[in-house]
């Protein structure tokens, strides 16, 4: 039997932290490896495709084409440790308050599965949903959790767990969060520079 649950949805990059973890990972790779520079033409082609169509999975994959499993293993822990210091001070406390009010807290992020879950492990989310990457080809998406796919991901998780999600509140910072915000009773837009509600 399906059970109705009060859900609070959080975005991560720009909403709970003051920068984009995936961009930081990319910058770190460029600073510590020659491989991204070899793939620079592919990277630039990806940017052009992305700028023409932000919904394009191909553009995003081309921008990540240089990433290898070894780079993820070697560089991700360093980026994660650095990025944790950029989390907004209110974030963990707000998740705790929502739990205390009896709400399920769901993090839905477009960030990759090799970064975001470890970045929020201490925050005790009921579930963390991210973009799923091919482990042998970590530049390639198995599921791109961005834009309207965030709603798809929430619905999929809810069905798998016998839940009818009643999204009472949603926190986000960018136009790509609009799809989740539209189904929330109370959307809370965060200024990604200050961490304060807009």
N, C-alpha and C. Protein backbone atom coordinates (compact mmCIF):
# COMPACT_ATOMS: atom_id res chain seq x y z
N UNK A 1 0.83 -1.20 0.00
CA UNK A 1 0.00 0.00 0.00
C UNK A 1 0.87 1.25 0.00
N UNK A 2 0.55 2.19 -0.86
CA UNK A 2 1.32 3.42 -0.95
C UNK A 2 1.09 4.30 0.27
N UNK A 3 2.16 4.93 0.72
CA UNK A 3 2.10 5.79 1.89
C UNK A 3 2.49 7.21 1.51
N UNK A 4 1.65 8.18 1.86
CA UNK A 4 1.95 9.57 1.55
C UNK A 4 2.98 10.10 2.54
N UNK A 5 4.02 10.73 2.03
CA UNK A 5 5.09 11.24 2.87
C UNK A 5 5.35 12.71 2.55
N UNK A 6 5.61 13.48 3.59
CA UNK A 6 6.03 14.87 3.39
C UNK A 6 7.52 14.87 3.05
N UNK A 7 7.83 15.47 1.91
CA UNK A 7 9.20 15.47 1.40
C UNK A 7 9.73 16.89 1.29
N UNK A 8 10.97 17.07 1.71
CA UNK A 8 11.69 18.32 1.47
C UNK A 8 12.86 17.99 0.56
N UNK A 9 12.93 18.67 -0.58
CA UNK A 9 13.96 18.39 -1.57
C UNK A 9 15.02 19.49 -1.53
N UNK A 10 16.28 19.07 -1.55
CA UNK A 10 17.40 19.99 -1.58
C UNK A 10 18.23 19.74 -2.83
N UNK A 11 18.60 20.82 -3.51
CA UNK A 11 19.66 20.75 -4.51
C UNK A 11 20.98 20.84 -3.74
N UNK A 12 22.11 20.59 -4.41
CA UNK A 12 23.39 20.70 -3.69
C UNK A 12 24.23 21.88 -4.16
N UNK A 13 24.85 21.76 -5.32
CA UNK A 13 25.78 22.80 -5.78
C UNK A 13 25.07 24.14 -5.97
N UNK A 14 25.58 25.17 -5.28
CA UNK A 14 24.99 26.49 -5.36
C UNK A 14 23.83 26.70 -4.42
N UNK A 15 23.33 25.61 -3.85
CA UNK A 15 22.22 25.71 -2.90
C UNK A 15 22.70 25.45 -1.48
N UNK A 16 23.39 24.34 -1.29
CA UNK A 16 23.93 24.01 0.03
C UNK A 16 25.41 24.37 0.15
N UNK A 17 26.05 24.64 -0.99
CA UNK A 17 27.46 25.01 -0.95
C UNK A 17 27.74 26.12 -1.94
N UNK A 18 28.83 26.82 -1.70
CA UNK A 18 29.08 28.07 -2.42
C UNK A 18 29.84 27.91 -3.72
N UNK A 19 29.88 26.76 -4.28
CA UNK A 19 30.50 26.60 -5.60
C UNK A 19 30.06 25.26 -6.15
N UNK A 20 30.48 24.98 -7.37
CA UNK A 20 30.06 23.76 -8.05
C UNK A 20 31.14 22.70 -7.91
N UNK A 21 30.81 21.59 -7.25
CA UNK A 21 31.80 20.55 -6.99
C UNK A 21 32.34 19.92 -8.27
N UNK A 22 31.48 19.80 -9.28
CA UNK A 22 31.93 19.19 -10.53
C UNK A 22 32.92 20.10 -11.26
N UNK A 23 32.66 21.42 -11.24
CA UNK A 23 33.60 22.36 -11.84
C UNK A 23 34.92 22.36 -11.10
N UNK A 24 34.85 22.26 -9.78
CA UNK A 24 36.08 22.21 -8.99
C UNK A 24 36.88 20.95 -9.31
N UNK A 25 36.18 19.84 -9.50
CA UNK A 25 36.86 18.60 -9.87
C UNK A 25 37.57 18.78 -11.22
N UNK A 26 36.87 19.38 -12.18
CA UNK A 26 37.46 19.62 -13.49
C UNK A 26 38.69 20.51 -13.41
N UNK A 27 38.59 21.60 -12.64
CA UNK A 27 39.73 22.51 -12.50
C UNK A 27 40.91 21.79 -11.85
N UNK A 28 40.62 20.96 -10.86
CA UNK A 28 41.69 20.22 -10.18
C UNK A 28 42.39 19.29 -11.18
N UNK A 29 41.60 18.64 -12.02
CA UNK A 29 42.17 17.74 -13.03
C UNK A 29 43.08 18.51 -13.98
N UNK A 30 42.66 19.70 -14.41
CA UNK A 30 43.48 20.50 -15.32
C UNK A 30 44.78 20.95 -14.65
N UNK A 31 44.73 21.16 -13.33
CA UNK A 31 45.93 21.62 -12.63
C UNK A 31 46.90 20.48 -12.32
N UNK A 32 46.41 19.24 -12.28
CA UNK A 32 47.25 18.14 -11.80
C UNK A 32 47.44 17.00 -12.80
N UNK A 33 47.00 17.20 -14.02
CA UNK A 33 47.15 16.16 -15.03
C UNK A 33 47.29 16.79 -16.42
N UNK A 34 48.07 16.14 -17.28
CA UNK A 34 48.21 16.60 -18.66
C UNK A 34 47.05 16.12 -19.53
N UNK A 35 46.37 15.07 -19.09
CA UNK A 35 45.32 14.47 -19.91
C UNK A 35 44.22 15.47 -20.32
N UNK A 36 43.70 16.29 -19.42
CA UNK A 36 42.67 17.25 -19.84
C UNK A 36 43.14 18.19 -20.94
N UNK A 37 44.43 18.55 -20.91
CA UNK A 37 44.96 19.46 -21.92
C UNK A 37 45.03 18.77 -23.28
N UNK A 38 45.30 17.48 -23.28
CA UNK A 38 45.29 16.72 -24.53
C UNK A 38 43.88 16.70 -25.13
N UNK A 39 42.90 16.63 -24.23
CA UNK A 39 41.49 16.58 -24.65
C UNK A 39 40.86 17.96 -24.78
N UNK A 40 41.66 19.01 -24.76
CA UNK A 40 41.12 20.37 -24.78
C UNK A 40 40.21 20.65 -25.97
N UNK A 41 40.56 20.22 -27.20
CA UNK A 41 39.63 20.46 -28.32
C UNK A 41 38.27 19.80 -28.12
N UNK A 42 38.27 18.58 -27.55
CA UNK A 42 37.02 17.88 -27.26
C UNK A 42 36.24 18.63 -26.18
N UNK A 43 36.96 19.09 -25.17
CA UNK A 43 36.36 19.86 -24.07
C UNK A 43 35.69 21.12 -24.62
N UNK A 44 36.39 21.84 -25.48
CA UNK A 44 35.85 23.09 -26.05
C UNK A 44 34.64 22.82 -26.93
N UNK A 45 34.68 21.71 -27.68
CA UNK A 45 33.51 21.34 -28.50
C UNK A 45 32.31 21.07 -27.61
N UNK A 46 32.56 20.43 -26.47
CA UNK A 46 31.48 20.18 -25.52
C UNK A 46 30.88 21.45 -24.98
N UNK A 47 31.72 22.44 -24.70
CA UNK A 47 31.23 23.73 -24.21
C UNK A 47 30.33 24.39 -25.24
N UNK A 48 30.74 24.35 -26.51
CA UNK A 48 29.94 24.96 -27.57
C UNK A 48 28.57 24.29 -27.66
N UNK A 49 28.55 22.95 -27.63
CA UNK A 49 27.28 22.22 -27.70
C UNK A 49 26.43 22.53 -26.48
N UNK A 50 27.05 22.58 -25.30
CA UNK A 50 26.34 22.89 -24.07
C UNK A 50 25.73 24.28 -24.11
N UNK A 51 26.49 25.25 -24.60
CA UNK A 51 25.98 26.63 -24.66
C UNK A 51 24.81 26.76 -25.63
N UNK A 52 24.81 25.92 -26.68
CA UNK A 52 23.70 25.94 -27.64
C UNK A 52 22.47 25.22 -27.11
N UNK A 53 22.71 24.21 -26.27
CA UNK A 53 21.60 23.41 -25.74
C UNK A 53 22.00 22.81 -24.39
N UNK A 54 21.57 23.45 -23.30
CA UNK A 54 21.95 23.00 -21.96
C UNK A 54 21.34 21.65 -21.60
N UNK A 55 20.34 21.21 -22.39
CA UNK A 55 19.75 19.90 -22.14
C UNK A 55 20.57 18.78 -22.80
N UNK A 56 21.58 19.14 -23.57
CA UNK A 56 22.34 18.16 -24.32
C UNK A 56 23.24 17.31 -23.42
N UNK A 57 23.01 16.03 -23.43
CA UNK A 57 23.87 15.11 -22.69
C UNK A 57 25.22 14.97 -23.39
N UNK A 58 25.22 15.03 -24.72
CA UNK A 58 26.46 14.89 -25.49
C UNK A 58 27.46 15.99 -25.13
N UNK A 59 26.99 17.23 -25.06
CA UNK A 59 27.87 18.33 -24.71
C UNK A 59 28.51 18.14 -23.34
N UNK A 60 27.73 17.71 -22.38
CA UNK A 60 28.24 17.49 -21.03
C UNK A 60 29.25 16.35 -21.01
N UNK A 61 28.98 15.31 -21.77
CA UNK A 61 29.91 14.18 -21.81
C UNK A 61 31.23 14.57 -22.47
N UNK A 62 31.17 15.37 -23.52
CA UNK A 62 32.40 15.81 -24.18
C UNK A 62 33.26 16.66 -23.24
N UNK A 63 32.61 17.50 -22.42
CA UNK A 63 33.36 18.31 -21.47
C UNK A 63 34.06 17.44 -20.41
N UNK A 64 33.53 16.24 -20.16
CA UNK A 64 34.09 15.35 -19.16
C UNK A 64 34.94 14.23 -19.79
N UNK A 65 35.10 14.26 -21.09
CA UNK A 65 35.67 13.12 -21.82
C UNK A 65 37.05 12.71 -21.32
N UNK A 66 37.77 13.61 -20.70
CA UNK A 66 39.13 13.32 -20.23
C UNK A 66 39.15 12.52 -18.93
N UNK A 67 38.03 12.41 -18.23
CA UNK A 67 38.00 11.80 -16.90
C UNK A 67 38.15 10.28 -16.99
N UNK A 68 39.05 9.73 -16.20
CA UNK A 68 39.28 8.28 -16.15
C UNK A 68 38.97 7.76 -14.74
N UNK A 69 38.75 6.45 -14.60
CA UNK A 69 38.54 5.89 -13.26
C UNK A 69 39.71 6.19 -12.31
N UNK A 70 40.93 6.20 -12.84
CA UNK A 70 42.09 6.48 -12.01
C UNK A 70 42.08 7.92 -11.50
N UNK A 71 41.64 8.85 -12.35
CA UNK A 71 41.54 10.25 -11.92
C UNK A 71 40.50 10.41 -10.83
N UNK A 72 39.37 9.72 -10.98
CA UNK A 72 38.33 9.77 -9.95
C UNK A 72 38.89 9.24 -8.63
N UNK A 73 39.57 8.11 -8.70
CA UNK A 73 40.12 7.49 -7.49
C UNK A 73 41.17 8.39 -6.82
N UNK A 74 41.99 9.03 -7.64
CA UNK A 74 43.10 9.83 -7.11
C UNK A 74 42.70 11.24 -6.72
N UNK A 75 41.86 11.89 -7.54
CA UNK A 75 41.56 13.31 -7.33
C UNK A 75 40.29 13.59 -6.55
N UNK A 76 39.27 12.73 -6.68
CA UNK A 76 37.99 13.01 -6.03
C UNK A 76 38.10 13.20 -4.51
N UNK A 77 38.86 12.35 -3.79
CA UNK A 77 38.94 12.55 -2.33
C UNK A 77 39.50 13.92 -1.94
N UNK A 78 40.46 14.43 -2.73
CA UNK A 78 41.05 15.74 -2.42
C UNK A 78 40.03 16.85 -2.66
N UNK A 79 39.32 16.76 -3.79
CA UNK A 79 38.30 17.77 -4.11
C UNK A 79 37.18 17.74 -3.09
N UNK A 80 36.77 16.55 -2.68
CA UNK A 80 35.70 16.41 -1.69
C UNK A 80 36.11 17.06 -0.37
N UNK A 81 37.34 16.80 0.08
CA UNK A 81 37.82 17.38 1.34
C UNK A 81 37.83 18.91 1.26
N UNK A 82 38.26 19.45 0.13
CA UNK A 82 38.30 20.91 -0.03
C UNK A 82 36.90 21.50 -0.13
N UNK A 83 36.04 20.82 -0.87
CA UNK A 83 34.71 21.36 -1.13
C UNK A 83 33.83 21.36 0.12
N UNK A 84 34.07 20.46 1.04
CA UNK A 84 33.27 20.43 2.28
C UNK A 84 33.37 21.74 3.03
N UNK A 85 34.48 22.44 2.89
CA UNK A 85 34.67 23.70 3.61
C UNK A 85 33.84 24.82 3.01
N UNK A 86 33.24 24.59 1.84
CA UNK A 86 32.46 25.62 1.16
C UNK A 86 30.96 25.49 1.42
N UNK A 87 30.58 24.55 2.23
CA UNK A 87 29.16 24.36 2.53
C UNK A 87 28.64 25.53 3.36
N UNK A 88 27.43 25.98 3.04
CA UNK A 88 26.83 27.06 3.80
C UNK A 88 26.51 26.58 5.22
N UNK A 89 26.69 27.48 6.18
CA UNK A 89 26.55 27.12 7.59
C UNK A 89 25.16 26.63 7.98
N UNK A 90 24.12 27.10 7.29
CA UNK A 90 22.75 26.75 7.66
C UNK A 90 22.34 25.36 7.17
N UNK A 91 23.11 24.79 6.24
CA UNK A 91 22.65 23.61 5.50
C UNK A 91 22.36 22.40 6.40
N UNK A 92 23.34 21.97 7.16
CA UNK A 92 23.15 20.78 8.00
C UNK A 92 22.06 21.01 9.05
N UNK A 93 22.03 22.22 9.61
CA UNK A 93 21.03 22.53 10.63
C UNK A 93 19.62 22.49 10.06
N UNK A 94 19.47 22.93 8.81
CA UNK A 94 18.14 22.94 8.19
C UNK A 94 17.66 21.51 7.92
N UNK A 95 18.56 20.65 7.49
CA UNK A 95 18.19 19.25 7.28
C UNK A 95 17.76 18.63 8.61
N UNK A 96 18.49 18.93 9.67
CA UNK A 96 18.13 18.42 11.00
C UNK A 96 16.77 18.93 11.44
N UNK A 97 16.47 20.21 11.16
CA UNK A 97 15.17 20.78 11.54
C UNK A 97 14.03 20.11 10.77
N UNK A 98 14.25 19.85 9.49
CA UNK A 98 13.22 19.19 8.69
C UNK A 98 12.96 17.78 9.18
N UNK A 99 14.01 17.08 9.56
CA UNK A 99 13.84 15.74 10.12
C UNK A 99 13.07 15.80 11.44
N UNK A 100 13.41 16.78 12.26
CA UNK A 100 12.74 16.93 13.56
C UNK A 100 11.25 17.21 13.37
N UNK A 101 10.89 17.83 12.25
CA UNK A 101 9.48 18.12 11.96
C UNK A 101 8.77 16.92 11.34
N UNK A 102 9.49 15.83 11.17
CA UNK A 102 8.88 14.61 10.64
C UNK A 102 8.89 14.51 9.13
N UNK A 103 9.70 15.32 8.47
CA UNK A 103 9.75 15.31 7.01
C UNK A 103 10.92 14.46 6.51
N UNK A 104 10.74 13.82 5.38
CA UNK A 104 11.85 13.13 4.74
C UNK A 104 12.66 14.14 3.95
N UNK A 105 13.97 14.04 4.05
CA UNK A 105 14.86 14.97 3.35
C UNK A 105 15.55 14.24 2.20
N UNK A 106 15.35 14.76 1.01
CA UNK A 106 15.87 14.14 -0.21
C UNK A 106 16.79 15.13 -0.91
N UNK A 107 18.01 14.71 -1.17
CA UNK A 107 18.93 15.53 -1.95
C UNK A 107 18.90 15.03 -3.39
N UNK A 108 18.64 15.93 -4.33
CA UNK A 108 18.64 15.58 -5.74
C UNK A 108 19.59 16.53 -6.46
N UNK A 109 20.67 15.96 -6.99
CA UNK A 109 21.72 16.79 -7.57
C UNK A 109 22.10 16.30 -8.96
N UNK A 110 22.44 17.25 -9.82
CA UNK A 110 22.96 16.90 -11.15
C UNK A 110 24.42 16.47 -11.07
N UNK A 111 25.05 16.68 -9.92
CA UNK A 111 26.45 16.30 -9.76
C UNK A 111 26.66 14.80 -9.87
N UNK A 112 27.88 14.38 -10.14
CA UNK A 112 28.17 12.96 -10.35
C UNK A 112 28.17 12.14 -9.07
N UNK A 113 27.91 10.86 -9.24
CA UNK A 113 27.82 9.96 -8.08
C UNK A 113 29.16 9.71 -7.40
N UNK A 114 30.26 10.12 -8.02
CA UNK A 114 31.56 9.94 -7.36
C UNK A 114 31.96 11.14 -6.51
N UNK A 115 31.10 12.18 -6.47
CA UNK A 115 31.39 13.35 -5.64
C UNK A 115 30.32 13.61 -4.59
N UNK A 116 29.08 13.82 -5.02
CA UNK A 116 28.04 14.36 -4.15
C UNK A 116 27.71 13.49 -2.93
N UNK A 117 27.51 12.17 -3.08
CA UNK A 117 27.14 11.39 -1.88
C UNK A 117 28.15 11.52 -0.74
N UNK A 118 29.44 11.55 -1.07
CA UNK A 118 30.45 11.68 -0.02
C UNK A 118 30.51 13.09 0.54
N UNK A 119 30.12 14.07 -0.25
CA UNK A 119 30.11 15.45 0.22
C UNK A 119 29.03 15.70 1.27
N UNK A 120 27.96 14.91 1.24
CA UNK A 120 26.84 15.15 2.16
C UNK A 120 26.60 13.98 3.11
N UNK A 121 27.55 13.06 3.18
CA UNK A 121 27.35 11.85 3.99
C UNK A 121 26.99 12.17 5.43
N UNK A 122 27.58 13.23 5.99
CA UNK A 122 27.35 13.57 7.40
C UNK A 122 26.02 14.26 7.64
N UNK A 123 25.30 14.62 6.57
CA UNK A 123 24.08 15.41 6.74
C UNK A 123 22.83 14.55 6.94
N UNK A 124 22.97 13.25 6.81
CA UNK A 124 21.89 12.29 7.14
C UNK A 124 20.63 12.46 6.29
N UNK A 125 20.81 12.67 4.99
CA UNK A 125 19.66 12.68 4.10
C UNK A 125 19.03 11.30 4.06
N UNK A 126 17.71 11.26 3.87
CA UNK A 126 17.03 9.97 3.74
C UNK A 126 17.43 9.26 2.45
N UNK A 127 17.68 10.05 1.44
CA UNK A 127 18.18 9.51 0.17
C UNK A 127 18.94 10.60 -0.57
N UNK A 128 20.01 10.19 -1.25
CA UNK A 128 20.79 11.10 -2.08
C UNK A 128 20.72 10.58 -3.51
N UNK A 129 20.15 11.40 -4.39
CA UNK A 129 19.98 11.03 -5.79
C UNK A 129 20.85 11.94 -6.64
N UNK A 130 21.72 11.34 -7.46
CA UNK A 130 22.64 12.12 -8.27
C UNK A 130 22.65 11.59 -9.70
N UNK A 131 23.41 12.25 -10.55
CA UNK A 131 23.67 11.70 -11.88
C UNK A 131 24.48 10.42 -11.71
N UNK A 132 24.09 9.40 -12.44
CA UNK A 132 24.78 8.11 -12.36
C UNK A 132 25.75 8.01 -13.53
N UNK A 133 27.02 7.80 -13.20
CA UNK A 133 28.06 7.75 -14.22
C UNK A 133 28.51 6.29 -14.44
N UNK A 134 28.98 6.02 -15.64
CA UNK A 134 29.54 4.71 -15.97
C UNK A 134 30.88 4.58 -15.24
N UNK A 135 31.02 3.60 -14.37
CA UNK A 135 32.23 3.50 -13.54
C UNK A 135 33.48 3.28 -14.38
N UNK A 136 33.38 2.55 -15.48
CA UNK A 136 34.55 2.31 -16.32
C UNK A 136 34.83 3.49 -17.26
N UNK A 137 33.82 4.31 -17.48
CA UNK A 137 33.95 5.52 -18.30
C UNK A 137 33.26 6.66 -17.56
N UNK A 138 33.90 7.20 -16.52
CA UNK A 138 33.22 8.15 -15.63
C UNK A 138 32.85 9.48 -16.26
N UNK A 139 33.15 9.65 -17.52
CA UNK A 139 32.72 10.84 -18.27
C UNK A 139 31.33 10.61 -18.87
N UNK A 140 30.86 9.37 -18.89
CA UNK A 140 29.63 9.00 -19.58
C UNK A 140 28.48 8.80 -18.59
N UNK A 141 27.33 9.38 -18.92
CA UNK A 141 26.15 9.27 -18.06
C UNK A 141 25.42 7.94 -18.28
N UNK A 142 25.00 7.35 -17.17
CA UNK A 142 23.99 6.30 -17.22
C UNK A 142 22.62 6.93 -16.99
N UNK A 143 22.59 7.99 -16.17
CA UNK A 143 21.38 8.79 -15.95
C UNK A 143 21.80 10.20 -15.59
N UNK A 144 21.36 11.18 -16.38
CA UNK A 144 21.69 12.57 -16.12
C UNK A 144 20.58 13.20 -15.28
N UNK A 145 20.87 13.44 -14.02
CA UNK A 145 19.88 13.95 -13.07
C UNK A 145 19.87 15.47 -13.10
N UNK A 146 19.32 16.02 -14.16
CA UNK A 146 19.34 17.47 -14.37
C UNK A 146 17.98 17.92 -14.89
N UNK A 147 17.54 19.11 -14.49
CA UNK A 147 16.31 19.68 -15.02
C UNK A 147 15.10 18.78 -14.76
N UNK A 148 14.32 18.46 -15.80
CA UNK A 148 13.12 17.64 -15.62
C UNK A 148 13.43 16.23 -15.11
N UNK A 149 14.66 15.76 -15.34
CA UNK A 149 15.03 14.43 -14.85
C UNK A 149 15.08 14.36 -13.33
N UNK A 150 15.17 15.51 -12.67
CA UNK A 150 15.13 15.50 -11.20
C UNK A 150 13.75 15.04 -10.71
N UNK A 151 12.71 15.47 -11.40
CA UNK A 151 11.35 15.02 -11.05
C UNK A 151 11.20 13.53 -11.35
N UNK A 152 11.74 13.10 -12.49
CA UNK A 152 11.71 11.67 -12.85
C UNK A 152 12.41 10.85 -11.78
N UNK A 153 13.57 11.33 -11.33
CA UNK A 153 14.34 10.61 -10.31
C UNK A 153 13.58 10.52 -8.99
N UNK A 154 12.92 11.62 -8.60
CA UNK A 154 12.13 11.61 -7.37
C UNK A 154 10.98 10.62 -7.47
N UNK A 155 10.27 10.65 -8.60
CA UNK A 155 9.13 9.74 -8.79
C UNK A 155 9.58 8.28 -8.80
N UNK A 156 10.71 8.01 -9.44
CA UNK A 156 11.24 6.64 -9.49
C UNK A 156 11.57 6.14 -8.10
N UNK A 157 12.27 6.97 -7.32
CA UNK A 157 12.61 6.59 -5.95
C UNK A 157 11.35 6.36 -5.12
N UNK A 158 10.37 7.25 -5.27
CA UNK A 158 9.12 7.14 -4.50
C UNK A 158 8.39 5.83 -4.83
N UNK A 159 8.28 5.50 -6.11
CA UNK A 159 7.59 4.27 -6.51
C UNK A 159 8.31 3.04 -5.99
N UNK A 160 9.64 3.06 -6.05
CA UNK A 160 10.42 1.93 -5.57
C UNK A 160 10.25 1.72 -4.07
N UNK A 161 9.89 2.77 -3.36
CA UNK A 161 9.76 2.69 -1.89
C UNK A 161 8.32 2.79 -1.41
N UNK A 162 7.36 2.68 -2.33
CA UNK A 162 5.95 2.69 -1.95
C UNK A 162 5.49 4.00 -1.36
N UNK A 163 6.03 5.10 -1.87
CA UNK A 163 5.74 6.42 -1.32
C UNK A 163 5.00 7.28 -2.34
N UNK A 164 4.01 8.03 -1.85
CA UNK A 164 3.41 9.12 -2.63
C UNK A 164 4.05 10.40 -2.10
N UNK A 165 4.95 11.01 -2.87
CA UNK A 165 5.67 12.17 -2.35
C UNK A 165 4.84 13.45 -2.37
N UNK A 166 4.73 14.07 -1.21
CA UNK A 166 4.09 15.39 -1.10
C UNK A 166 5.21 16.37 -0.81
N UNK A 167 5.70 17.06 -1.86
CA UNK A 167 6.84 17.95 -1.72
C UNK A 167 6.37 19.26 -1.09
N UNK A 168 6.64 19.39 0.19
CA UNK A 168 6.17 20.57 0.91
C UNK A 168 7.12 21.75 0.77
N UNK A 169 8.39 21.45 0.47
CA UNK A 169 9.38 22.51 0.35
C UNK A 169 10.52 22.04 -0.55
N UNK A 170 11.08 22.96 -1.30
CA UNK A 170 12.22 22.61 -2.14
C UNK A 170 13.21 23.77 -2.15
N UNK A 171 14.49 23.44 -2.02
CA UNK A 171 15.56 24.43 -2.02
C UNK A 171 16.36 24.30 -3.32
N UNK A 172 16.54 25.41 -4.02
CA UNK A 172 17.32 25.39 -5.25
C UNK A 172 17.89 26.75 -5.55
N UNK A 173 18.76 26.80 -6.57
CA UNK A 173 19.43 28.07 -6.87
C UNK A 173 19.40 28.45 -8.34
N UNK A 174 19.09 27.52 -9.25
CA UNK A 174 19.25 27.82 -10.67
C UNK A 174 18.00 27.45 -11.46
N UNK A 175 17.88 27.93 -12.70
CA UNK A 175 16.72 27.60 -13.53
C UNK A 175 16.50 26.10 -13.72
N UNK A 176 17.57 25.32 -13.65
CA UNK A 176 17.41 23.87 -13.82
C UNK A 176 16.64 23.24 -12.65
N UNK A 177 16.53 23.97 -11.53
CA UNK A 177 15.78 23.46 -10.38
C UNK A 177 14.29 23.78 -10.47
N UNK A 178 13.91 24.55 -11.50
CA UNK A 178 12.53 25.01 -11.63
C UNK A 178 11.52 23.86 -11.65
N UNK A 179 11.89 22.75 -12.28
CA UNK A 179 10.97 21.62 -12.42
C UNK A 179 10.59 21.04 -11.05
N UNK A 180 11.56 20.93 -10.17
CA UNK A 180 11.29 20.48 -8.80
C UNK A 180 10.57 21.57 -8.03
N UNK A 181 11.00 22.80 -8.19
CA UNK A 181 10.36 23.91 -7.47
C UNK A 181 8.88 24.03 -7.82
N UNK A 182 8.54 23.74 -9.07
CA UNK A 182 7.15 23.86 -9.51
C UNK A 182 6.21 22.88 -8.82
N UNK A 183 6.75 21.75 -8.34
CA UNK A 183 5.88 20.76 -7.67
C UNK A 183 5.92 20.91 -6.15
N UNK A 184 6.70 21.88 -5.67
CA UNK A 184 6.81 22.09 -4.23
C UNK A 184 5.78 23.11 -3.75
N UNK A 185 5.22 22.86 -2.58
CA UNK A 185 4.28 23.82 -1.98
C UNK A 185 5.00 25.14 -1.69
N UNK A 186 6.23 25.04 -1.17
CA UNK A 186 7.02 26.23 -0.85
C UNK A 186 8.40 26.13 -1.50
N UNK A 187 8.62 26.86 -2.59
CA UNK A 187 9.96 26.88 -3.17
C UNK A 187 10.83 27.91 -2.46
N UNK A 188 12.05 27.53 -2.14
CA UNK A 188 12.99 28.45 -1.48
C UNK A 188 14.20 28.62 -2.40
N UNK A 189 14.27 29.78 -3.04
CA UNK A 189 15.37 30.06 -3.95
C UNK A 189 16.55 30.62 -3.17
N UNK A 190 17.72 30.04 -3.36
CA UNK A 190 18.93 30.43 -2.64
C UNK A 190 19.86 31.21 -3.56
N UNK A 191 20.43 32.29 -3.04
CA UNK A 191 21.46 33.03 -3.76
C UNK A 191 22.77 32.27 -3.61
N UNK A 192 23.28 31.72 -4.71
CA UNK A 192 24.44 30.85 -4.62
C UNK A 192 25.71 31.59 -4.18
N UNK A 193 25.72 32.92 -4.23
CA UNK A 193 26.88 33.69 -3.80
C UNK A 193 26.88 33.94 -2.29
N UNK A 194 25.68 34.12 -1.74
CA UNK A 194 25.58 34.46 -0.32
C UNK A 194 25.07 33.31 0.54
N UNK A 195 24.36 32.36 -0.08
CA UNK A 195 23.75 31.29 0.69
C UNK A 195 22.44 31.68 1.34
N UNK A 196 21.99 32.90 1.07
CA UNK A 196 20.74 33.40 1.68
C UNK A 196 19.57 33.25 0.72
N UNK A 197 18.36 33.12 1.25
CA UNK A 197 17.18 33.08 0.37
C UNK A 197 17.05 34.36 -0.44
N UNK A 198 16.64 34.22 -1.69
CA UNK A 198 16.48 35.39 -2.55
C UNK A 198 15.20 36.13 -2.18
